[in-house]
C-alpha cells in the first residue's frame, strides 16, 4: 500500500485540489535596464566582499535578485542603500549569473 492509498483511507472525503499551474517565474518579472549593473570588489575589515549596484528598477526586484544570488552561491549578504553586498569574492560567478538573466554587467576595479 503506497502513500496515496493510505491517505485515501485516512481521509475518504478529501478531494485533491486541481491546480492550474499558476506558477510564475520571479526572474521574468524583473525589470531589465539599458545601463549595466556595476560589480565591484572591496575589502572591509580585512574581509573580501562583492558589491552590485546601479539597478534603476523597483527596490523589491533588486531585493529579489539579491536573494537569488545569495541562494545560488550559498553565501551571506545584504541589501543596503540600493546595493547588494555579498560576502566573498564572487565577481565571476555573479557576472555570469546576471548575464544569463539578461542583464548587462560591467566589472569595476581589479
N, C-alpha and C. Protein backbone atom coordinates (compact mmCIF):
# COMPACT_ATOMS: atom_id res chain seq x y z
N UNK A 1 0.85 -1.17 0.00
CA UNK A 1 0.00 0.00 0.00
C UNK A 1 0.90 1.23 0.00
N UNK A 2 0.73 2.08 -1.00
CA UNK A 2 1.57 3.27 -1.08
C UNK A 2 0.94 4.42 -0.32
N UNK A 3 1.60 5.53 -0.30
CA UNK A 3 1.19 6.69 0.47
C UNK A 3 -0.16 7.23 0.02
N UNK A 4 -0.41 7.27 -1.27
CA UNK A 4 -1.68 7.78 -1.78
C UNK A 4 -2.85 6.93 -1.27
N UNK A 5 -2.70 5.63 -1.27
CA UNK A 5 -3.76 4.74 -0.78
C UNK A 5 -3.99 4.94 0.72
N UNK A 6 -2.92 5.12 1.47
CA UNK A 6 -3.05 5.35 2.90
C UNK A 6 -3.78 6.65 3.18
N UNK A 7 -3.45 7.68 2.41
CA UNK A 7 -4.13 8.97 2.60
C UNK A 7 -5.61 8.87 2.24
N UNK A 8 -5.93 8.12 1.20
CA UNK A 8 -7.34 7.94 0.82
C UNK A 8 -8.10 7.19 1.91
N UNK A 9 -7.45 6.23 2.57
CA UNK A 9 -8.10 5.51 3.67
C UNK A 9 -8.31 6.41 4.87
N UNK A 10 -7.34 7.27 5.17
CA UNK A 10 -7.46 8.16 6.32
C UNK A 10 -8.45 9.29 6.07
N UNK A 11 -8.49 9.82 4.84
CA UNK A 11 -9.35 10.95 4.51
C UNK A 11 -10.20 10.60 3.29
N UNK A 12 -11.26 9.81 3.46
CA UNK A 12 -12.03 9.36 2.30
C UNK A 12 -12.82 10.48 1.63
N UNK A 13 -13.18 11.53 2.35
CA UNK A 13 -13.99 12.60 1.76
C UNK A 13 -13.16 13.68 1.08
N UNK A 14 -11.86 13.61 1.24
CA UNK A 14 -10.98 14.66 0.68
C UNK A 14 -10.89 14.54 -0.84
N UNK A 15 -11.06 15.67 -1.50
CA UNK A 15 -10.86 15.73 -2.95
C UNK A 15 -9.66 16.62 -3.20
N UNK A 16 -8.63 16.12 -3.86
CA UNK A 16 -7.43 16.95 -4.11
C UNK A 16 -7.78 18.13 -5.00
N UNK A 17 -7.17 19.27 -4.68
CA UNK A 17 -7.39 20.48 -5.47
C UNK A 17 -6.67 20.35 -6.80
N UNK A 18 -7.32 20.87 -7.81
CA UNK A 18 -6.72 20.84 -9.13
C UNK A 18 -6.06 22.20 -9.38
N UNK A 19 -4.75 22.20 -9.41
CA UNK A 19 -4.01 23.43 -9.66
C UNK A 19 -3.93 23.68 -11.15
N UNK A 20 -4.02 24.94 -11.52
CA UNK A 20 -3.96 25.31 -12.93
C UNK A 20 -2.56 25.74 -13.33
N UNK A 21 -1.57 25.31 -12.58
CA UNK A 21 -0.18 25.67 -12.85
C UNK A 21 -0.02 27.18 -13.03
N UNK A 22 -0.31 27.88 -11.96
CA UNK A 22 -0.21 29.32 -11.98
C UNK A 22 1.15 29.76 -11.47
N UNK A 23 2.13 28.90 -11.63
CA UNK A 23 3.47 29.23 -11.18
C UNK A 23 4.06 30.30 -12.09
N UNK A 24 4.62 31.31 -11.49
CA UNK A 24 5.23 32.40 -12.25
C UNK A 24 6.71 32.42 -11.95
N UNK A 25 7.50 32.63 -12.96
CA UNK A 25 8.93 32.77 -12.76
C UNK A 25 9.21 34.17 -12.25
N UNK A 26 9.84 34.25 -11.08
CA UNK A 26 10.14 35.55 -10.49
C UNK A 26 11.12 36.33 -11.35
N UNK A 27 12.08 35.64 -11.97
CA UNK A 27 13.09 36.36 -12.73
C UNK A 27 12.52 36.92 -14.03
N UNK A 28 11.35 36.43 -14.48
CA UNK A 28 10.74 37.01 -15.66
C UNK A 28 10.11 38.36 -15.34
N UNK A 29 9.82 38.58 -14.05
CA UNK A 29 9.20 39.82 -13.64
C UNK A 29 10.21 40.95 -13.42
N UNK A 30 11.49 40.63 -13.36
CA UNK A 30 12.49 41.65 -13.09
C UNK A 30 12.56 42.63 -14.25
N UNK A 31 12.72 43.88 -13.91
CA UNK A 31 12.82 44.92 -14.92
C UNK A 31 14.24 44.96 -15.46
N UNK A 32 14.36 44.85 -16.78
CA UNK A 32 15.68 44.91 -17.41
C UNK A 32 15.97 46.34 -17.80
N UNK A 33 17.18 46.75 -17.56
CA UNK A 33 17.58 48.13 -17.83
C UNK A 33 18.62 48.19 -18.91
N UNK A 34 18.77 49.36 -19.48
CA UNK A 34 19.75 49.56 -20.54
C UNK A 34 21.16 49.73 -19.99
N UNK A 35 21.30 50.44 -18.86
CA UNK A 35 22.61 50.67 -18.28
C UNK A 35 23.11 49.39 -17.60
N UNK A 36 24.41 49.16 -17.62
CA UNK A 36 24.92 47.94 -16.98
C UNK A 36 24.94 48.05 -15.46
N UNK A 37 24.80 46.89 -14.81
CA UNK A 37 25.00 46.82 -13.37
C UNK A 37 26.49 46.84 -13.10
N UNK A 38 26.91 47.48 -12.03
CA UNK A 38 28.32 47.55 -11.69
C UNK A 38 28.64 46.49 -10.64
N UNK A 39 29.68 45.71 -10.90
CA UNK A 39 30.10 44.65 -9.99
C UNK A 39 31.49 45.00 -9.47
N UNK A 40 31.58 45.30 -8.17
CA UNK A 40 32.84 45.75 -7.57
C UNK A 40 33.35 44.74 -6.56
N UNK A 41 34.64 44.87 -6.28
CA UNK A 41 35.28 44.06 -5.24
C UNK A 41 35.91 45.02 -4.24
N UNK A 42 35.66 44.80 -2.96
CA UNK A 42 36.26 45.61 -1.91
C UNK A 42 36.67 44.72 -0.75
N UNK A 43 37.47 45.28 0.13
CA UNK A 43 37.78 44.62 1.39
C UNK A 43 37.32 45.54 2.50
N UNK A 44 36.52 44.98 3.39
CA UNK A 44 36.07 45.72 4.57
C UNK A 44 36.47 44.93 5.80
N UNK A 45 37.20 45.59 6.67
CA UNK A 45 37.72 44.96 7.88
C UNK A 45 38.52 43.71 7.55
N UNK A 46 39.24 43.75 6.42
CA UNK A 46 40.10 42.65 6.02
C UNK A 46 39.39 41.50 5.33
N UNK A 47 38.07 41.60 5.15
CA UNK A 47 37.32 40.52 4.53
C UNK A 47 36.84 40.96 3.14
N UNK A 48 36.92 40.07 2.15
CA UNK A 48 36.50 40.44 0.80
C UNK A 48 34.98 40.45 0.66
N UNK A 49 34.47 41.43 -0.08
CA UNK A 49 33.05 41.48 -0.39
C UNK A 49 32.88 41.86 -1.86
N UNK A 50 31.75 41.48 -2.41
CA UNK A 50 31.39 41.84 -3.77
C UNK A 50 30.17 42.73 -3.69
N UNK A 51 30.20 43.85 -4.40
CA UNK A 51 29.11 44.81 -4.37
C UNK A 51 28.51 44.92 -5.77
N UNK A 52 27.19 44.83 -5.85
CA UNK A 52 26.48 45.04 -7.11
C UNK A 52 25.61 46.27 -6.93
N UNK A 53 25.73 47.22 -7.83
CA UNK A 53 24.94 48.45 -7.74
C UNK A 53 24.61 48.95 -9.13
N UNK A 54 23.73 49.94 -9.18
CA UNK A 54 23.38 50.55 -10.44
C UNK A 54 22.03 50.11 -10.99
N UNK A 55 21.23 49.40 -10.20
CA UNK A 55 19.91 48.96 -10.67
C UNK A 55 18.93 50.12 -10.54
N UNK A 56 18.20 50.40 -11.60
CA UNK A 56 17.29 51.53 -11.59
C UNK A 56 15.83 51.12 -11.51
N UNK A 57 15.57 49.83 -11.33
CA UNK A 57 14.19 49.33 -11.25
C UNK A 57 13.64 49.44 -9.84
N UNK A 58 12.61 48.65 -9.57
CA UNK A 58 11.95 48.67 -8.27
C UNK A 58 12.85 48.05 -7.20
N UNK A 59 12.71 48.53 -5.99
CA UNK A 59 13.51 48.06 -4.88
C UNK A 59 13.23 46.58 -4.59
N UNK A 60 11.97 46.18 -4.68
CA UNK A 60 11.62 44.77 -4.42
C UNK A 60 12.26 43.83 -5.42
N UNK A 61 12.37 44.27 -6.68
CA UNK A 61 13.03 43.45 -7.70
C UNK A 61 14.51 43.25 -7.36
N UNK A 62 15.14 44.33 -6.90
CA UNK A 62 16.57 44.25 -6.56
C UNK A 62 16.78 43.37 -5.33
N UNK A 63 15.87 43.44 -4.37
CA UNK A 63 15.95 42.57 -3.19
C UNK A 63 15.77 41.12 -3.59
N UNK A 64 14.85 40.86 -4.51
CA UNK A 64 14.63 39.50 -5.00
C UNK A 64 15.87 38.98 -5.72
N UNK A 65 16.51 39.85 -6.50
CA UNK A 65 17.73 39.47 -7.18
C UNK A 65 18.84 39.16 -6.17
N UNK A 66 18.92 39.94 -5.10
CA UNK A 66 19.91 39.69 -4.04
C UNK A 66 19.68 38.33 -3.41
N UNK A 67 18.42 37.98 -3.16
CA UNK A 67 18.11 36.69 -2.56
C UNK A 67 18.49 35.55 -3.49
N UNK A 68 18.23 35.71 -4.78
CA UNK A 68 18.58 34.66 -5.75
C UNK A 68 20.09 34.45 -5.81
N UNK A 69 20.85 35.55 -5.77
CA UNK A 69 22.31 35.44 -5.83
C UNK A 69 22.84 34.76 -4.57
N UNK A 70 22.33 35.15 -3.40
CA UNK A 70 22.79 34.55 -2.16
C UNK A 70 22.45 33.06 -2.12
N UNK A 71 21.29 32.69 -2.62
CA UNK A 71 20.89 31.28 -2.65
C UNK A 71 21.76 30.50 -3.62
N UNK A 72 22.02 31.09 -4.79
CA UNK A 72 22.84 30.41 -5.80
C UNK A 72 24.24 30.11 -5.28
N UNK A 73 24.84 31.08 -4.60
CA UNK A 73 26.22 30.94 -4.14
C UNK A 73 26.32 30.34 -2.73
N UNK A 74 25.20 30.22 -2.04
CA UNK A 74 25.18 29.72 -0.66
C UNK A 74 26.09 30.53 0.25
N UNK A 75 25.94 31.84 0.15
CA UNK A 75 26.74 32.75 0.97
C UNK A 75 25.82 33.77 1.62
N UNK A 76 26.38 34.50 2.57
CA UNK A 76 25.64 35.56 3.22
C UNK A 76 25.77 36.85 2.45
N UNK A 77 24.92 37.78 2.80
CA UNK A 77 24.97 39.07 2.15
C UNK A 77 23.82 39.92 2.64
N UNK A 78 23.72 41.11 2.07
CA UNK A 78 22.65 42.01 2.48
C UNK A 78 22.32 42.97 1.35
N UNK A 79 21.24 43.70 1.57
CA UNK A 79 20.82 44.74 0.64
C UNK A 79 20.75 46.04 1.42
N UNK A 80 21.60 46.99 1.06
CA UNK A 80 21.62 48.28 1.77
C UNK A 80 21.90 49.39 0.77
N UNK A 81 21.20 50.50 0.92
CA UNK A 81 21.45 51.71 0.14
C UNK A 81 21.52 51.43 -1.36
N UNK A 82 20.55 50.69 -1.88
CA UNK A 82 20.49 50.34 -3.31
C UNK A 82 21.73 49.60 -3.78
N UNK A 83 22.32 48.80 -2.92
CA UNK A 83 23.48 47.97 -3.25
C UNK A 83 23.26 46.57 -2.70
N UNK A 84 23.70 45.58 -3.46
CA UNK A 84 23.72 44.21 -2.96
C UNK A 84 25.14 43.93 -2.51
N UNK A 85 25.29 43.52 -1.27
CA UNK A 85 26.61 43.22 -0.71
C UNK A 85 26.67 41.72 -0.44
N UNK A 86 27.60 41.04 -1.11
CA UNK A 86 27.77 39.60 -0.98
C UNK A 86 29.10 39.33 -0.30
N UNK A 87 29.11 38.44 0.69
CA UNK A 87 30.33 38.11 1.41
C UNK A 87 31.21 37.23 0.53
N UNK A 88 32.42 37.68 0.26
CA UNK A 88 33.37 36.91 -0.54
C UNK A 88 33.56 37.51 -1.92
N UNK A 89 34.57 37.02 -2.62
CA UNK A 89 34.87 37.49 -3.97
C UNK A 89 34.23 36.53 -4.97
N UNK A 90 33.05 36.87 -5.42
CA UNK A 90 32.30 36.03 -6.36
C UNK A 90 31.95 36.81 -7.63
N UNK A 91 32.83 37.70 -8.04
CA UNK A 91 32.52 38.55 -9.19
C UNK A 91 32.23 37.74 -10.45
N UNK A 92 33.06 36.75 -10.74
CA UNK A 92 32.89 35.99 -11.98
C UNK A 92 31.57 35.22 -11.99
N UNK A 93 31.25 34.54 -10.89
CA UNK A 93 30.01 33.77 -10.83
C UNK A 93 28.79 34.69 -10.90
N UNK A 94 28.84 35.82 -10.19
CA UNK A 94 27.72 36.75 -10.19
C UNK A 94 27.54 37.37 -11.57
N UNK A 95 28.64 37.73 -12.22
CA UNK A 95 28.55 38.34 -13.54
C UNK A 95 27.96 37.35 -14.55
N UNK A 96 28.37 36.09 -14.51
CA UNK A 96 27.82 35.11 -15.44
C UNK A 96 26.34 34.85 -15.14
N UNK A 97 25.95 34.83 -13.86
CA UNK A 97 24.56 34.64 -13.48
C UNK A 97 23.69 35.80 -13.99
N UNK A 98 24.18 37.03 -13.81
CA UNK A 98 23.41 38.19 -14.26
C UNK A 98 23.32 38.25 -15.78
N UNK A 99 24.39 37.84 -16.47
CA UNK A 99 24.34 37.81 -17.94
C UNK A 99 23.34 36.78 -18.42
N UNK A 100 23.27 35.64 -17.74
CA UNK A 100 22.28 34.62 -18.10
C UNK A 100 20.85 35.13 -17.89
N UNK A 101 20.68 35.99 -16.89
CA UNK A 101 19.37 36.58 -16.62
C UNK A 101 18.99 37.63 -17.67
N UNK A 102 19.99 38.14 -18.38
CA UNK A 102 19.72 39.15 -19.41
C UNK A 102 20.21 40.54 -19.07
N UNK A 103 20.89 40.70 -17.94
CA UNK A 103 21.41 41.99 -17.55
C UNK A 103 22.75 42.26 -18.25
N UNK A 104 23.06 43.53 -18.41
CA UNK A 104 24.39 43.93 -18.84
C UNK A 104 25.18 44.18 -17.57
N UNK A 105 26.40 43.68 -17.52
CA UNK A 105 27.21 43.79 -16.31
C UNK A 105 28.56 44.38 -16.65
N UNK A 106 29.03 45.28 -15.81
CA UNK A 106 30.34 45.90 -16.01
C UNK A 106 31.17 45.65 -14.76
N UNK A 107 32.38 45.14 -14.97
CA UNK A 107 33.30 44.87 -13.86
C UNK A 107 34.06 46.14 -13.54
N UNK A 108 34.04 46.54 -12.27
CA UNK A 108 34.70 47.76 -11.85
C UNK A 108 35.82 47.40 -10.90
N UNK A 109 37.01 47.94 -11.13
CA UNK A 109 38.16 47.67 -10.27
C UNK A 109 38.79 46.33 -10.61
N UNK A 110 39.97 46.09 -10.04
CA UNK A 110 40.78 44.90 -10.20
C UNK A 110 40.21 43.80 -10.91
